[in-house]
């Protein structure tokens, strides 16, 4: 499956539009990870714990997006947009959306 932020795929044309598809993931960060992330914030540097959690959530959201597009018979998702949100004190949400299409 081709997944791209562009509105077209070079050398291919859109044969059929299947509609908008969305993948979402909400991940909670545990208490120990929160404590270490706060320490990292105070002393400086990157918070590997949160970066890993964001990467996991992003992977889940993209897999869900591709699954939903595949269920519609699409072989690509174009115009992909990726959003990150914080919910409450320790919930991370990643949302990815795009247009499911069949390419020629």
Foldseek 3Di string as FASTA:
>chain_A
DAEEQAQDDPPKDFPWWQFKFKFKFKDFDDPVLVVVCVVCVVVDDDSPSVVVVVVVGVVRGVVRRVVVLVVSVAPYFYNKDWDWDDDPDTMIMIMIMTIGTHID
